[in-house]
Amino acid sequence: MKIRPLMPKDVDGILSWMKDSEINRFFRMDAEGATKESVLNFVNASQNQENNIHLAVTDDDDNYLGTVSLKNIDKEEQSAEYAISMCKLSHGTGAAKFATEKILELGFEALGLHRIYLNVLSENLRANKFYQKCNFIYEGEFKEAILIRGEFKDLKWYRLLKKEYEDRNK
């Protein structure tokens, strides 16, 4: 497995998880409105974003499995928001864990970040368990913090500090 910049050939793979109701029910985005053109625009724009890094997660044959990101990179505060979205066929393969380890390495070692954080719907039990397995530290819950399809949802917040990252990698 590897991570690499998103490419136009990844558009169909991105659309596959965006259109999968088991996956997109946990996202705020308008998956129904997503088109090849809108996803291609996102892929092309991802090449030139100063404060966001979106990378494809691929198998050894360069088949798209998902996207892993550092968003809202704040150089002054030395922080960024982590995000990951994986195609269903990659679930249980270790691809998400691999991609997470690689993006954390990029954030802490190459970018010199101090803090990487994320938020996730409280009801997304699989993701919450995954983030804990990846050593993210639970910080708290914001009640009714996000509106998804007309319903307010709770968000759990997690973080990983550079020292915590270094300690776990000793």
Protein backbone atom coordinates (compact mmCIF):
# COMPACT_ATOMS: atom_id res chain seq x y z
CA MET A 1 0.00 0.00 0.00
CA LYS A 2 0.99 3.61 -0.45
CA ILE A 3 -0.28 7.17 -0.31
CA ARG A 4 0.17 9.57 -3.20
CA PRO A 5 -1.40 12.77 -4.56
CA LEU A 6 -4.94 12.42 -5.84
CA MET A 7 -5.17 11.94 -9.60
CA PRO A 8 -8.01 12.18 -12.14
CA LYS A 9 -8.06 8.37 -12.38
CA ASP A 10 -9.25 8.30 -8.73
CA VAL A 11 -12.57 10.02 -9.48
CA ASP A 12 -14.62 6.80 -9.83
CA GLY A 13 -13.17 5.43 -6.60
CA ILE A 14 -13.99 8.64 -4.74
CA LEU A 15 -17.53 8.58 -6.10
CA SER A 16 -17.90 4.95 -4.96
CA TRP A 17 -17.59 5.86 -1.26
CA MET A 18 -19.42 9.16 -1.67
CA LYS A 19 -22.44 7.36 -3.15
CA ASP A 20 -22.34 4.50 -0.60
CA SER A 21 -25.12 5.22 1.90
CA GLU A 22 -23.45 3.11 4.61
CA ILE A 23 -20.45 5.45 4.44
CA ASN A 24 -21.91 8.83 3.49
CA ARG A 25 -24.56 8.80 6.23
CA PHE A 26 -21.79 9.94 8.57
CA PHE A 27 -20.79 12.94 6.43
CA ARG A 28 -22.25 16.41 6.08
CA MET A 29 -21.45 16.64 2.36
CA ASP A 30 -24.08 16.42 -0.35
CA ALA A 31 -23.23 13.01 -1.79
CA GLU A 32 -26.35 12.99 -3.95
CA GLY A 33 -25.16 16.11 -5.75
CA ALA A 34 -21.66 14.76 -6.41
CA THR A 35 -20.79 14.28 -10.06
CA LYS A 36 -17.67 13.15 -11.91
CA GLU A 37 -17.11 16.78 -12.82
CA SER A 38 -17.39 18.07 -9.24
CA VAL A 39 -15.09 15.34 -7.92
CA LEU A 40 -12.59 15.98 -10.72
CA ASN A 41 -12.64 19.68 -9.78
CA PHE A 42 -11.87 18.69 -6.16
CA VAL A 43 -9.03 16.40 -7.28
CA ASN A 44 -7.51 19.11 -9.47
CA ALA A 45 -7.88 21.78 -6.78
CA SER A 46 -6.25 19.48 -4.21
CA GLN A 47 -2.93 19.83 -6.03
CA ASN A 48 -2.60 23.52 -5.18
CA GLN A 49 -4.01 23.98 -1.69
CA GLU A 50 -1.72 25.60 0.81
CA ASN A 51 -3.67 24.66 3.95
CA ASN A 52 -4.97 21.21 2.95
CA ILE A 53 -3.29 17.98 1.89
CA HIS A 54 -5.53 15.31 0.35
CA LEU A 55 -3.80 12.05 -0.62
CA ALA A 56 -5.03 8.87 -2.27
CA VAL A 57 -4.62 5.59 -0.42
CA THR A 58 -3.83 2.85 -2.94
CA ASP A 59 -2.97 -0.81 -3.06
CA ASP A 60 0.33 -2.03 -4.51
CA ASP A 61 -1.17 -1.92 -8.03
CA ASP A 62 -2.13 1.77 -7.55
CA ASN A 63 -5.87 1.04 -7.28
CA TYR A 64 -7.66 3.75 -5.29
CA LEU A 65 -8.85 2.64 -1.83
CA GLY A 66 -9.60 5.95 -0.12
CA THR A 67 -8.51 9.47 0.73
CA VAL A 68 -6.56 10.61 3.78
CA SER A 69 -6.17 14.29 4.56
CA LEU A 70 -4.67 16.95 6.75
CA LYS A 71 -7.03 19.93 6.53
CA ASN A 72 -7.02 23.42 7.97
CA ILE A 73 -3.26 23.33 8.39
CA ASP A 74 -2.32 26.23 10.66
CA LYS A 75 1.41 26.90 10.47
CA GLU A 76 1.33 29.44 13.29
CA GLU A 77 -0.48 27.12 15.71
CA GLN A 78 1.30 24.08 14.21
CA SER A 79 -1.94 22.12 14.01
CA ALA A 80 -4.11 20.38 11.43
CA GLU A 81 -7.34 18.42 11.20
CA TYR A 82 -7.12 14.76 10.17
CA ALA A 83 -9.75 13.14 7.96
CA ILE A 84 -10.08 9.81 6.19
CA SER A 85 -12.66 8.25 3.87
CA MET A 86 -12.23 4.71 2.59
CA CYS A 87 -14.05 2.61 -0.01
CA LYS A 88 -15.99 -0.29 1.46
CA LEU A 89 -13.81 -2.87 -0.31
CA SER A 90 -10.82 -1.66 1.74
CA HIS A 91 -12.51 -2.16 5.12
CA GLY A 92 -10.66 -4.72 7.22
CA THR A 93 -7.53 -4.72 5.04
CA GLY A 94 -5.38 -2.46 7.22
CA ALA A 95 -5.36 0.23 4.53
CA ALA A 96 -6.91 2.88 6.79
CA LYS A 97 -4.41 2.15 9.58
CA PHE A 98 -1.53 2.31 7.08
CA ALA A 99 -2.79 5.61 5.64
CA THR A 100 -3.27 7.08 9.11
CA GLU A 101 0.27 6.17 10.14
CA LYS A 102 1.64 7.73 6.95
CA ILE A 103 -0.33 10.99 7.24
CA LEU A 104 0.63 11.33 10.92
CA GLU A 105 4.27 10.82 9.95
CA LEU A 106 3.89 13.50 7.29
CA GLY A 107 2.22 15.89 9.72
CA PHE A 108 4.54 15.48 12.68
CA GLU A 109 7.84 14.74 10.98
CA ALA A 110 7.75 16.56 7.63
CA LEU A 111 5.45 19.49 8.47
CA GLY A 112 6.58 19.85 12.09
CA LEU A 113 3.04 19.96 13.48
CA HIS A 114 2.46 20.01 17.23
CA ARG A 115 -1.17 18.83 17.22
CA ILE A 116 -3.39 16.81 14.89
CA TYR A 117 -7.08 16.64 15.77
CA LEU A 118 -10.31 15.23 14.40
CA ASN A 119 -14.02 15.17 15.04
CA VAL A 120 -16.40 12.33 14.34
CA LEU A 121 -20.10 11.69 14.83
CA SER A 122 -20.63 10.10 18.23
CA GLU A 123 -22.89 7.51 16.59
CA ASN A 124 -20.14 6.39 14.19
CA LEU A 125 -18.99 3.60 16.49
CA ARG A 126 -16.68 1.94 13.97
CA ALA A 127 -14.76 5.18 13.36
CA ASN A 128 -14.56 6.02 17.08
CA LYS A 129 -13.07 2.60 17.78
CA PHE A 130 -10.62 3.01 14.89
CA TYR A 131 -9.37 6.41 16.10
CA GLN A 132 -8.80 5.04 19.59
CA LYS A 133 -6.91 2.09 18.08
CA CYS A 134 -4.72 4.65 16.26
CA ASN A 135 -3.89 6.23 19.66
CA PHE A 136 -5.89 9.41 19.22
CA ILE A 137 -6.86 10.78 22.64
CA TYR A 138 -10.55 11.49 23.31
CA GLU A 139 -11.02 15.11 24.39
CA GLY A 140 -14.78 15.52 24.71
CA GLU A 141 -18.16 15.63 23.06
CA PHE A 142 -20.06 18.57 21.60
CA LYS A 143 -23.80 17.95 21.89
CA GLU A 144 -25.96 18.64 18.84
CA ALA A 145 -22.99 20.33 17.16
CA ILE A 146 -23.66 19.54 13.51
CA LEU A 147 -26.78 19.47 11.35
CA ILE A 148 -26.96 16.50 8.99
CA ARG A 149 -30.01 15.98 6.82
CA GLY A 150 -32.21 18.02 9.16
CA GLU A 151 -31.06 16.36 12.39
CA PHE A 152 -28.59 17.71 14.95
CA LYS A 153 -25.82 15.24 15.77
CA ASP A 154 -23.22 14.99 18.54
CA LEU A 155 -19.51 15.19 17.72
CA LYS A 156 -16.64 13.54 19.57
CA TRP A 157 -13.25 15.26 19.40
CA TYR A 158 -9.88 13.51 19.46
CA ARG A 159 -6.29 14.73 19.33
CA LEU A 160 -2.73 13.51 19.06
CA LEU A 161 0.16 15.70 20.18
CA LYS A 162 3.65 15.37 18.74
CA LYS A 163 5.01 14.13 22.08
CA GLU A 164 2.27 11.48 22.28
CA TYR A 165 3.05 10.44 18.71
CA GLU A 166 6.77 10.20 19.49
CA ASP A 167 6.15 8.27 22.73
CA ARG A 168 4.01 5.66 20.97
CA ASN A 169 6.65 5.22 18.24
CA LYS A 170 9.57 4.56 20.59
